[in-house]
Amino acid sequence: MNGGCANENAHLLQGILRDECGFDGFAVSDWGISNDHVEGVRAGAHLEMPAAGGDSDEKLIRAVQDGKLSEDILNQGGG
């Protein structure tokens, strides 16, 4: 949307998918489309595909530790 990835777009993942459509499931990126997994999680994504070999996991941990990402966001959705 406007040059950004759908996987990192809160309007699409939160506003439309969850709020308007009532989706309460697990949001997975399309294969190779996750540019910034921390921003994807902040927007409402859950799983990055293909797996980034642990790099994205470390970035998520650092973002929570640095106060840049709420742990509550990690616990939302997924059914």
C-alpha atoms as a PDB file:
ATOM      1  CA  MET A   1       0.000   0.000   0.000  1.00  0.00           C
ATOM      2  CA  ASN A   2       1.611   3.210  -1.166  1.00  0.00           C
ATOM      3  CA  GLY A   3       4.913   1.407  -1.653  1.00  0.00           C
ATOM      4  CA  GLY A   4       4.945  -0.406   1.709  1.00  0.00           C
ATOM      5  CA  CYS A   5       4.557  -4.094   2.447  1.00  0.00           C
ATOM      6  CA  ALA A   6       1.136  -5.402   3.431  1.00  0.00           C
ATOM      7  CA  ASN A   7       2.893  -7.432   6.134  1.00  0.00           C
ATOM      8  CA  GLU A   8       3.951  -4.176   7.815  1.00  0.00           C
ATOM      9  CA  ASN A   9       0.722  -2.240   7.315  1.00  0.00           C
ATOM     10  CA  ALA A  10      -1.374  -1.761  10.465  1.00  0.00           C
ATOM     11  CA  HIS A  11      -4.323  -0.399   8.464  1.00  0.00           C
ATOM     12  CA  LEU A  12      -4.560  -3.665   6.527  1.00  0.00           C
ATOM     13  CA  LEU A  13      -3.712  -6.097   9.333  1.00  0.00           C
ATOM     14  CA  GLN A  14      -5.471  -4.380  12.242  1.00  0.00           C
ATOM     15  CA  GLY A  15      -8.002  -2.015  10.705  1.00  0.00           C
ATOM     16  CA  ILE A  16      -9.355  -4.160   7.904  1.00  0.00           C
ATOM     17  CA  LEU A  17      -8.435  -7.775   8.672  1.00  0.00           C
ATOM     18  CA  ARG A  18      -9.114  -7.771  12.426  1.00  0.00           C
ATOM     19  CA  ASP A  19     -11.426  -4.823  13.131  1.00  0.00           C
ATOM     20  CA  GLU A  20     -13.626  -4.803   9.998  1.00  0.00           C
ATOM     21  CA  CYS A  21     -13.531  -8.501   9.097  1.00  0.00           C
ATOM     22  CA  GLY A  22     -13.331  -9.865  12.649  1.00  0.00           C
ATOM     23  CA  PHE A  23     -10.341 -12.105  11.869  1.00  0.00           C
ATOM     24  CA  ASP A  24      -8.915 -13.587  15.077  1.00  0.00           C
ATOM     25  CA  GLY A  25      -6.356 -15.920  13.542  1.00  0.00           C
ATOM     26  CA  PHE A  26      -2.662 -16.132  12.876  1.00  0.00           C
ATOM     27  CA  ALA A  27      -1.246 -13.703  10.267  1.00  0.00           C
ATOM     28  CA  VAL A  28       1.674 -15.127   8.259  1.00  0.00           C
ATOM     29  CA  SER A  29       3.748 -13.135   5.780  1.00  0.00           C
ATOM     30  CA  ASP A  30       3.816 -14.121   2.160  1.00  0.00           C
ATOM     31  CA  TRP A  31       7.051 -15.932   1.301  1.00  0.00           C
ATOM     32  CA  GLY A  32       9.950 -13.470   1.424  1.00  0.00           C
ATOM     33  CA  ILE A  33       7.857 -10.310   1.810  1.00  0.00           C
ATOM     34  CA  SER A  34       8.805  -9.434   5.400  1.00  0.00           C
ATOM     35  CA  ASN A  35      11.272  -6.542   5.262  1.00  0.00           C
ATOM     36  CA  ASP A  36      11.187  -5.664   8.974  1.00  0.00           C
ATOM     37  CA  HIS A  37       9.715  -8.322  11.262  1.00  0.00           C
ATOM     38  CA  VAL A  38       9.549  -5.981  14.273  1.00  0.00           C
ATOM     39  CA  GLU A  39       7.408  -3.555  12.251  1.00  0.00           C
ATOM     40  CA  GLY A  40       5.387  -6.477  10.922  1.00  0.00           C
ATOM     41  CA  VAL A  41       4.627  -7.678  14.448  1.00  0.00           C
ATOM     42  CA  ARG A  42       3.799  -4.132  15.535  1.00  0.00           C
ATOM     43  CA  ALA A  43       1.339  -3.961  12.593  1.00  0.00           C
ATOM     44  CA  GLY A  44      -0.297  -7.297  13.485  1.00  0.00           C
ATOM     45  CA  ALA A  45       1.721 -10.035  11.734  1.00  0.00           C
ATOM     46  CA  HIS A  46       2.751 -13.148  13.653  1.00  0.00           C
ATOM     47  CA  LEU A  47       5.078 -15.279  11.571  1.00  0.00           C
ATOM     48  CA  GLU A  48       7.715 -14.370   9.018  1.00  0.00           C
ATOM     49  CA  MET A  49       8.289 -16.811   6.157  1.00  0.00           C
ATOM     50  CA  PRO A  50      10.748 -18.131   5.369  1.00  0.00           C
ATOM     51  CA  ALA A  51      12.336 -18.171   8.793  1.00  0.00           C
ATOM     52  CA  ALA A  52      15.225 -15.724   9.088  1.00  0.00           C
ATOM     53  CA  GLY A  53      17.522 -18.112  10.938  1.00  0.00           C
ATOM     54  CA  GLY A  54      16.912 -16.476  14.314  1.00  0.00           C
ATOM     55  CA  ASP A  55      17.886 -12.937  13.269  1.00  0.00           C
ATOM     56  CA  SER A  56      14.317 -11.643  13.445  1.00  0.00           C
ATOM     57  CA  ASP A  57      13.803 -13.367  16.789  1.00  0.00           C
ATOM     58  CA  GLU A  58      16.806 -11.511  18.196  1.00  0.00           C
ATOM     59  CA  LYS A  59      15.479  -8.230  16.812  1.00  0.00           C
ATOM     60  CA  LEU A  60      12.106  -8.859  18.485  1.00  0.00           C
ATOM     61  CA  ILE A  61      13.797  -9.608  21.814  1.00  0.00           C
ATOM     62  CA  ARG A  62      15.912  -6.442  21.581  1.00  0.00           C
ATOM     63  CA  ALA A  63      12.886  -4.348  20.621  1.00  0.00           C
ATOM     64  CA  VAL A  64      10.997  -5.562  23.717  1.00  0.00           C
ATOM     65  CA  GLN A  65      14.040  -5.099  25.971  1.00  0.00           C
ATOM     66  CA  ASP A  66      14.606  -1.569  24.609  1.00  0.00           C
ATOM     67  CA  GLY A  67      10.940  -0.657  25.130  1.00  0.00           C
ATOM     68  CA  LYS A  68      10.328  -0.231  21.392  1.00  0.00           C
ATOM     69  CA  LEU A  69       7.802  -3.077  21.208  1.00  0.00           C
ATOM     70  CA  SER A  70       5.239  -4.032  23.835  1.00  0.00           C
ATOM     71  CA  GLU A  71       5.229  -7.644  24.990  1.00  0.00           C
ATOM     72  CA  ASP A  72       1.416  -7.469  24.800  1.00  0.00           C
ATOM     73  CA  ILE A  73       1.689  -7.151  21.021  1.00  0.00           C
ATOM     74  CA  LEU A  74       3.533 -10.474  20.924  1.00  0.00           C
ATOM     75  CA  ASN A  75       0.650 -12.129  22.757  1.00  0.00           C
ATOM     76  CA  GLN A  76      -2.259 -10.875  20.627  1.00  0.00           C
ATOM     77  CA  GLY A  77      -4.205 -12.798  18.036  1.00  0.00           C
ATOM     78  CA  GLY A  78      -3.532 -16.307  16.905  1.00  0.00           C
ATOM     79  CA  GLY A  79      -6.986 -17.599  17.745  1.00  0.00           C
END
